[in-house]
Structure formats: structure tokens, C-alpha cells
Amino acid sequence: MGDGRLGSNLKEVRTAAGLTQAELADRAGVSRKTINTVENGVFVPSTTLALQLARTLGTTVEALFYLKS
């Protein structure tokens, strides 16, 4: 069984969409620092934030985040 730590594909999906951290932050209604800390695994997003990021990027939460094994 995995250790339950959250992994993130946020940076890869964001860059594939051609967005900077600041642009994604502005569209999602959060700060650039929030995007940075989520991408670097410092901050685990709330369910609401994960859903908002997925909606903003036109994808699913599962495409952005996963449990590390």
C-alpha cells in the first residue's frame, strides 16, 4: 500500500497549456505562490482548489494529482 503522499502533474499540465504560474494563478483566483507551492509539493491543495485548478486547465483532478506509491 502507498504512503498516501500526494504527487502532482500540475507543472507539466500547466506548461503544456502554455501558461505561466502567474497566468494560472490569475485564472484560478489564487496567488502565484500558491501555484508554486503546490507544484513543488510544499502545499497540498484543498479539494476545492484541486477542482478549481482542474476546471481552469480543462482536465480532471486525477490528471493533476495522484497518490505516490
PDB file of N, CA and C in Angstrom:
ATOM      1  N   MET A   1       0.846  -1.190   0.000  1.00  0.00           N
ATOM      2  CA  MET A   1       0.000   0.000   0.000  1.00  0.00           C
ATOM      3  C   MET A   1       0.881   1.239   0.000  1.00  0.00           C
ATOM      4  N   GLY A   2       0.447   2.301  -0.665  1.00  0.00           N
ATOM      5  CA  GLY A   2       1.210   3.536  -0.746  1.00  0.00           C
ATOM      6  C   GLY A   2       1.232   4.284   0.568  1.00  0.00           C
ATOM      7  N   ASP A   3       2.084   5.282   0.627  1.00  0.00           N
ATOM      8  CA  ASP A   3       2.204   6.059   1.859  1.00  0.00           C
ATOM      9  C   ASP A   3       1.232   7.226   1.916  1.00  0.00           C
ATOM     10  N   GLY A   4       0.441   7.419   0.873  1.00  0.00           N
ATOM     11  CA  GLY A   4      -0.587   8.448   0.879  1.00  0.00           C
ATOM     12  C   GLY A   4      -0.099   9.847   0.568  1.00  0.00           C
ATOM     13  N   ARG A   5       1.179   9.997   0.214  1.00  0.00           N
ATOM     14  CA  ARG A   5       1.665  11.329  -0.149  1.00  0.00           C
ATOM     15  C   ARG A   5       1.135  11.694  -1.528  1.00  0.00           C
ATOM     16  N   LEU A   6       0.884  12.973  -1.703  1.00  0.00           N
ATOM     17  CA  LEU A   6       0.298  13.449  -2.947  1.00  0.00           C
ATOM     18  C   LEU A   6       1.387  13.769  -3.963  1.00  0.00           C
ATOM     19  N   GLY A   7       1.224  13.235  -5.159  1.00  0.00           N
ATOM     20  CA  GLY A   7       2.078  13.592  -6.282  1.00  0.00           C
ATOM     21  C   GLY A   7       1.318  14.544  -7.182  1.00  0.00           C
ATOM     22  N   SER A   8       2.056  15.308  -7.971  1.00  0.00           N
ATOM     23  CA  SER A   8       1.413  16.318  -8.801  1.00  0.00           C
ATOM     24  C   SER A   8       1.979  16.347 -10.215  1.00  0.00           C
ATOM     25  N   ASN A   9       1.084  16.450 -11.174  1.00  0.00           N
ATOM     26  CA  ASN A   9       1.431  16.695 -12.570  1.00  0.00           C
ATOM     27  C   ASN A   9       1.079  18.128 -12.958  1.00  0.00           C
ATOM     28  N   LEU A  10       0.826  18.970 -11.970  1.00  0.00           N
ATOM     29  CA  LEU A  10       0.340  20.327 -12.236  1.00  0.00           C
ATOM     30  C   LEU A  10       1.295  21.103 -13.135  1.00  0.00           C
ATOM     31  N   LYS A  11       2.578  21.064 -12.842  1.00  0.00           N
ATOM     32  CA  LYS A  11       3.534  21.835 -13.643  1.00  0.00           C
ATOM     33  C   LYS A  11       3.527  21.376 -15.096  1.00  0.00           C
ATOM     34  N   GLU A  12       3.518  20.073 -15.307  1.00  0.00           N
ATOM     35  CA  GLU A  12       3.530  19.542 -16.669  1.00  0.00           C
ATOM     36  C   GLU A  12       2.269  19.937 -17.438  1.00  0.00           C
ATOM     37  N   VAL A  13       1.125  19.843 -16.780  1.00  0.00           N
ATOM     38  CA  VAL A  13      -0.141  20.197 -17.437  1.00  0.00           C
ATOM     39  C   VAL A  13      -0.191  21.701 -17.697  1.00  0.00           C
ATOM     40  N   ARG A  14       0.258  22.478 -16.732  1.00  0.00           N
ATOM     41  CA  ARG A  14       0.268  23.941 -16.887  1.00  0.00           C
ATOM     42  C   ARG A  14       1.157  24.369 -18.049  1.00  0.00           C
ATOM     43  N   THR A  15       2.375  23.828 -18.104  1.00  0.00           N
ATOM     44  CA  THR A  15       3.294  24.228 -19.175  1.00  0.00           C
ATOM     45  C   THR A  15       2.795  23.735 -20.541  1.00  0.00           C
ATOM     46  N   ALA A  16       2.177  22.554 -20.571  1.00  0.00           N
ATOM     47  CA  ALA A  16       1.606  22.055 -21.833  1.00  0.00           C
ATOM     48  C   ALA A  16       0.488  22.972 -22.321  1.00  0.00           C
ATOM     49  N   ALA A  17      -0.199  23.620 -21.376  1.00  0.00           N
ATOM     50  CA  ALA A  17      -1.266  24.561 -21.727  1.00  0.00           C
ATOM     51  C   ALA A  17      -0.708  25.931 -22.099  1.00  0.00           C
ATOM     52  N   GLY A  18       0.617  26.092 -21.967  1.00  0.00           N
ATOM     53  CA  GLY A  18       1.255  27.355 -22.326  1.00  0.00           C
ATOM     54  C   GLY A  18       1.053  28.470 -21.328  1.00  0.00           C
ATOM     55  N   LEU A  19       0.833  28.085 -20.063  1.00  0.00           N
ATOM     56  CA  LEU A  19       0.579  29.084 -19.025  1.00  0.00           C
ATOM     57  C   LEU A  19       1.757  29.204 -18.068  1.00  0.00           C
ATOM     58  N   THR A  20       2.010  30.424 -17.615  1.00  0.00           N
ATOM     59  CA  THR A  20       2.962  30.638 -16.532  1.00  0.00           C
ATOM     60  C   THR A  20       2.244  30.391 -15.216  1.00  0.00           C
ATOM     61  N   GLN A  21       3.015  30.298 -14.140  1.00  0.00           N
ATOM     62  CA  GLN A  21       2.393  30.165 -12.818  1.00  0.00           C
ATOM     63  C   GLN A  21       1.478  31.350 -12.546  1.00  0.00           C
ATOM     64  N   ALA A  22       1.924  32.545 -12.904  1.00  0.00           N
ATOM     65  CA  ALA A  22       1.126  33.750 -12.657  1.00  0.00           C
ATOM     66  C   ALA A  22      -0.178  33.733 -13.452  1.00  0.00           C
ATOM     67  N   GLU A  23      -0.118  33.279 -14.705  1.00  0.00           N
ATOM     68  CA  GLU A  23      -1.333  33.224 -15.525  1.00  0.00           C
ATOM     69  C   GLU A  23      -2.330  32.214 -14.970  1.00  0.00           C
ATOM     70  N   LEU A  24      -1.849  31.042 -14.576  1.00  0.00           N
ATOM     71  CA  LEU A  24      -2.746  30.045 -13.989  1.00  0.00           C
ATOM     72  C   LEU A  24      -3.335  30.565 -12.690  1.00  0.00           C
ATOM     73  N   ALA A  25      -2.504  31.165 -11.873  1.00  0.00           N
ATOM     74  CA  ALA A  25      -2.972  31.714 -10.595  1.00  0.00           C
ATOM     75  C   ALA A  25      -4.083  32.733 -10.816  1.00  0.00           C
ATOM     76  N   ASP A  26      -3.878  33.633 -11.766  1.00  0.00           N
ATOM     77  CA  ASP A  26      -4.874  34.664 -12.053  1.00  0.00           C
ATOM     78  C   ASP A  26      -6.190  34.038 -12.510  1.00  0.00           C
ATOM     79  N   ARG A  27      -6.106  33.059 -13.393  1.00  0.00           N
ATOM     80  CA  ARG A  27      -7.318  32.400 -13.906  1.00  0.00           C
ATOM     81  C   ARG A  27      -8.032  31.588 -12.837  1.00  0.00           C
ATOM     82  N   ALA A  28      -7.261  31.012 -11.907  1.00  0.00           N
ATOM     83  CA  ALA A  28      -7.848  30.176 -10.856  1.00  0.00           C
ATOM     84  C   ALA A  28      -8.238  30.981  -9.619  1.00  0.00           C
ATOM     85  N   GLY A  29      -7.831  32.247  -9.565  1.00  0.00           N
ATOM     86  CA  GLY A  29      -8.193  33.100  -8.437  1.00  0.00           C
ATOM     87  C   GLY A  29      -7.366  32.858  -7.190  1.00  0.00           C
ATOM     88  N   VAL A  30      -6.100  32.471  -7.382  1.00  0.00           N
ATOM     89  CA  VAL A  30      -5.194  32.267  -6.252  1.00  0.00           C
ATOM     90  C   VAL A  30      -3.896  33.022  -6.529  1.00  0.00           C
ATOM     91  N   SER A  31      -2.963  32.967  -5.593  1.00  0.00           N
ATOM     92  CA  SER A  31      -1.686  33.649  -5.792  1.00  0.00           C
ATOM     93  C   SER A  31      -0.715  32.762  -6.572  1.00  0.00           C
ATOM     94  N   ARG A  32       0.282  33.397  -7.170  1.00  0.00           N
ATOM     95  CA  ARG A  32       1.321  32.653  -7.871  1.00  0.00           C
ATOM     96  C   ARG A  32       2.073  31.769  -6.893  1.00  0.00           C
ATOM     97  N   LYS A  33       2.254  32.258  -5.670  1.00  0.00           N
ATOM     98  CA  LYS A  33       2.947  31.465  -4.642  1.00  0.00           C
ATOM     99  C   LYS A  33       2.180  30.183  -4.337  1.00  0.00           C
ATOM    100  N   THR A  34       0.866  30.231  -4.337  1.00  0.00           N
ATOM    101  CA  THR A  34       0.063  29.024  -4.120  1.00  0.00           C
ATOM    102  C   THR A  34       0.351  27.998  -5.206  1.00  0.00           C
ATOM    103  N   ILE A  35       0.370  28.441  -6.454  1.00  0.00           N
ATOM    104  CA  ILE A  35       0.667  27.522  -7.562  1.00  0.00           C
ATOM    105  C   ILE A  35       2.064  26.939  -7.389  1.00  0.00           C
ATOM    106  N   ASN A  36       3.023  27.784  -7.052  1.00  0.00           N
ATOM    107  CA  ASN A  36       4.402  27.340  -6.867  1.00  0.00           C
ATOM    108  C   ASN A  36       4.515  26.300  -5.765  1.00  0.00           C
ATOM    109  N   THR A  37       3.880  26.529  -4.637  1.00  0.00           N
ATOM    110  CA  THR A  37       3.998  25.592  -3.522  1.00  0.00           C
ATOM    111  C   THR A  37       3.286  24.274  -3.804  1.00  0.00           C
ATOM    112  N   VAL A  38       2.193  24.308  -4.556  1.00  0.00           N
ATOM    113  CA  VAL A  38       1.521  23.066  -4.950  1.00  0.00           C
ATOM    114  C   VAL A  38       2.412  22.292  -5.919  1.00  0.00           C
ATOM    115  N   GLU A  39       2.971  22.984  -6.905  1.00  0.00           N
ATOM    116  CA  GLU A  39       3.829  22.316  -7.882  1.00  0.00           C
ATOM    117  C   GLU A  39       5.064  21.682  -7.235  1.00  0.00           C
ATOM    118  N   ASN A  40       5.576  22.304  -6.189  1.00  0.00           N
ATOM    119  CA  ASN A  40       6.787  21.807  -5.527  1.00  0.00           C
ATOM    120  C   ASN A  40       6.507  20.870  -4.354  1.00  0.00           C
ATOM    121  N   GLY A  41       5.243  20.519  -4.151  1.00  0.00           N
ATOM    122  CA  GLY A  41       4.893  19.568  -3.109  1.00  0.00           C
ATOM    123  C   GLY A  41       4.991  20.096  -1.693  1.00  0.00           C
ATOM    124  N   VAL A  42       5.058  21.410  -1.554  1.00  0.00           N
ATOM    125  CA  VAL A  42       5.137  22.035  -0.229  1.00  0.00           C
ATOM    126  C   VAL A  42       3.746  22.159   0.385  1.00  0.00           C
ATOM    127  N   PHE A  43       2.748  22.345  -0.466  1.00  0.00           N
ATOM    128  CA  PHE A  43       1.372  22.582  -0.031  1.00  0.00           C
ATOM    129  C   PHE A  43       0.454  21.585  -0.728  1.00  0.00           C
ATOM    130  N   VAL A  44      -0.389  20.924   0.042  1.00  0.00           N
ATOM    131  CA  VAL A  44      -1.396  20.010  -0.507  1.00  0.00           C
ATOM    132  C   VAL A  44      -2.677  20.817  -0.702  1.00  0.00           C
ATOM    133  N   PRO A  45      -3.161  20.893  -1.934  1.00  0.00           N
ATOM    134  CA  PRO A  45      -4.346  21.718  -2.180  1.00  0.00           C
ATOM    135  C   PRO A  45      -5.598  21.113  -1.555  1.00  0.00           C
ATOM    136  N   SER A  46      -6.498  21.997  -1.178  1.00  0.00           N
ATOM    137  CA  SER A  46      -7.805  21.543  -0.712  1.00  0.00           C
ATOM    138  C   SER A  46      -8.545  20.922  -1.890  1.00  0.00           C
ATOM    139  N   THR A  47      -9.593  20.213  -1.589  1.00  0.00           N
ATOM    140  CA  THR A  47     -10.421  19.633  -2.649  1.00  0.00           C
ATOM    141  C   THR A  47     -10.961  20.735  -3.549  1.00  0.00           C
ATOM    142  N   THR A  48     -11.383  21.823  -2.955  1.00  0.00           N
ATOM    143  CA  THR A  48     -11.919  22.944  -3.730  1.00  0.00           C
ATOM    144  C   THR A  48     -10.870  23.503  -4.679  1.00  0.00           C
ATOM    145  N   LEU A  49      -9.650  23.706  -4.179  1.00  0.00           N
ATOM    146  CA  LEU A  49      -8.585  24.234  -5.032  1.00  0.00           C
ATOM    147  C   LEU A  49      -8.222  23.242  -6.130  1.00  0.00           C
ATOM    148  N   ALA A  50      -8.140  21.960  -5.810  1.00  0.00           N
ATOM    149  CA  ALA A  50      -7.820  20.950  -6.819  1.00  0.00           C
ATOM    150  C   ALA A  50      -8.877  20.949  -7.923  1.00  0.00           C
ATOM    151  N   LEU A  51     -10.131  21.034  -7.553  1.00  0.00           N
ATOM    152  CA  LEU A  51     -11.211  21.083  -8.544  1.00  0.00           C
ATOM    153  C   LEU A  51     -11.136  22.355  -9.382  1.00  0.00           C
ATOM    154  N   GLN A  52     -10.828  23.482  -8.744  1.00  0.00           N
ATOM    155  CA  GLN A  52     -10.720  24.748  -9.469  1.00  0.00           C
ATOM    156  C   GLN A  52      -9.563  24.714 -10.461  1.00  0.00           C
ATOM    157  N   LEU A  53      -8.423  24.156 -10.048  1.00  0.00           N
ATOM    158  CA  LEU A  53      -7.275  24.051 -10.956  1.00  0.00           C
ATOM    159  C   LEU A  53      -7.604  23.149 -12.137  1.00  0.00           C
ATOM    160  N   ALA A  54      -8.252  22.028 -11.865  1.00  0.00           N
ATOM    161  CA  ALA A  54      -8.631  21.112 -12.938  1.00  0.00           C
ATOM    162  C   ALA A  54      -9.591  21.802 -13.912  1.00  0.00           C
ATOM    163  N   ARG A  55     -10.564  22.490 -13.396  1.00  0.00           N
ATOM    164  CA  ARG A  55     -11.522  23.195 -14.256  1.00  0.00           C
ATOM    165  C   ARG A  55     -10.809  24.257 -15.091  1.00  0.00           C
ATOM    166  N   THR A  56      -9.926  25.011 -14.462  1.00  0.00           N
ATOM    167  CA  THR A  56      -9.202  26.071 -15.154  1.00  0.00           C
ATOM    168  C   THR A  56      -8.344  25.516 -16.285  1.00  0.00           C
ATOM    169  N   LEU A  57      -7.752  24.341 -16.056  1.00  0.00           N
ATOM    170  CA  LEU A  57      -6.878  23.725 -17.058  1.00  0.00           C
ATOM    171  C   LEU A  57      -7.635  22.801 -18.019  1.00  0.00           C
ATOM    172  N   GLY A  58      -8.938  22.659 -17.819  1.00  0.00           N
ATOM    173  CA  GLY A  58      -9.749  21.835 -18.709  1.00  0.00           C
ATOM    174  C   GLY A  58      -9.424  20.358 -18.616  1.00  0.00           C
ATOM    175  N   THR A  59      -9.181  19.888 -17.402  1.00  0.00           N
ATOM    176  CA  THR A  59      -8.825  18.491 -17.199  1.00  0.00           C
ATOM    177  C   THR A  59      -9.483  17.974 -15.927  1.00  0.00           C
ATOM    178  N   THR A  60      -9.068  16.822 -15.475  1.00  0.00           N
ATOM    179  CA  THR A  60      -9.628  16.237 -14.248  1.00  0.00           C
ATOM    180  C   THR A  60      -8.639  16.359 -13.098  1.00  0.00           C
ATOM    181  N   VAL A  61      -9.145  16.251 -11.897  1.00  0.00           N
ATOM    182  CA  VAL A  61      -8.283  16.250 -10.720  1.00  0.00           C
ATOM    183  C   VAL A  61      -7.305  15.079 -10.796  1.00  0.00           C
ATOM    184  N   GLU A  62      -7.791  13.942 -11.282  1.00  0.00           N
ATOM    185  CA  GLU A  62      -6.942  12.754 -11.385  1.00  0.00           C
ATOM    186  C   GLU A  62      -5.784  12.948 -12.359  1.00  0.00           C
ATOM    187  N   ALA A  63      -5.960  13.807 -13.355  1.00  0.00           N
ATOM    188  CA  ALA A  63      -4.874  14.108 -14.289  1.00  0.00           C
ATOM    189  C   ALA A  63      -3.817  15.009 -13.647  1.00  0.00           C
ATOM    190  N   LEU A  64      -4.230  15.765 -12.640  1.00  0.00           N
ATOM    191  CA  LEU A  64      -3.310  16.700 -11.971  1.00  0.00           C
ATOM    192  C   LEU A  64      -2.622  16.105 -10.758  1.00  0.00           C
ATOM    193  N   PHE A  65      -3.330  15.258 -10.012  1.00  0.00           N
ATOM    194  CA  PHE A  65      -2.816  14.760  -8.732  1.00  0.00           C
ATOM    195  C   PHE A  65      -2.984  13.256  -8.613  1.00  0.00           C
ATOM    196  N   TYR A  66      -2.068  12.635  -7.887  1.00  0.00           N
ATOM    197  CA  TYR A  66      -2.115  11.184  -7.671  1.00  0.00           C
ATOM    198  C   TYR A  66      -1.455  10.852  -6.333  1.00  0.00           C
ATOM    199  N   LEU A  67      -1.757   9.673  -5.817  1.00  0.00           N
ATOM    200  CA  LEU A  67      -1.114   9.195  -4.590  1.00  0.00           C
ATOM    201  C   LEU A  67       0.163   8.488  -4.950  1.00  0.00           C
ATOM    202  N   LYS A  68       1.247   8.875  -4.304  1.00  0.00           N
ATOM    203  CA  LYS A  68       2.545   8.236  -4.548  1.00  0.00           C
ATOM    204  C   LYS A  68       2.534   6.846  -3.941  1.00  0.00           C
ATOM    205  N   SER A  69       3.164   5.910  -4.612  1.00  0.00           N
ATOM    206  CA  SER A  69       3.230   4.544  -4.081  1.00  0.00           C
ATOM    207  C   SER A  69       4.575   4.264  -3.461  1.00  0.00           C
TER     208      SER A  69
END
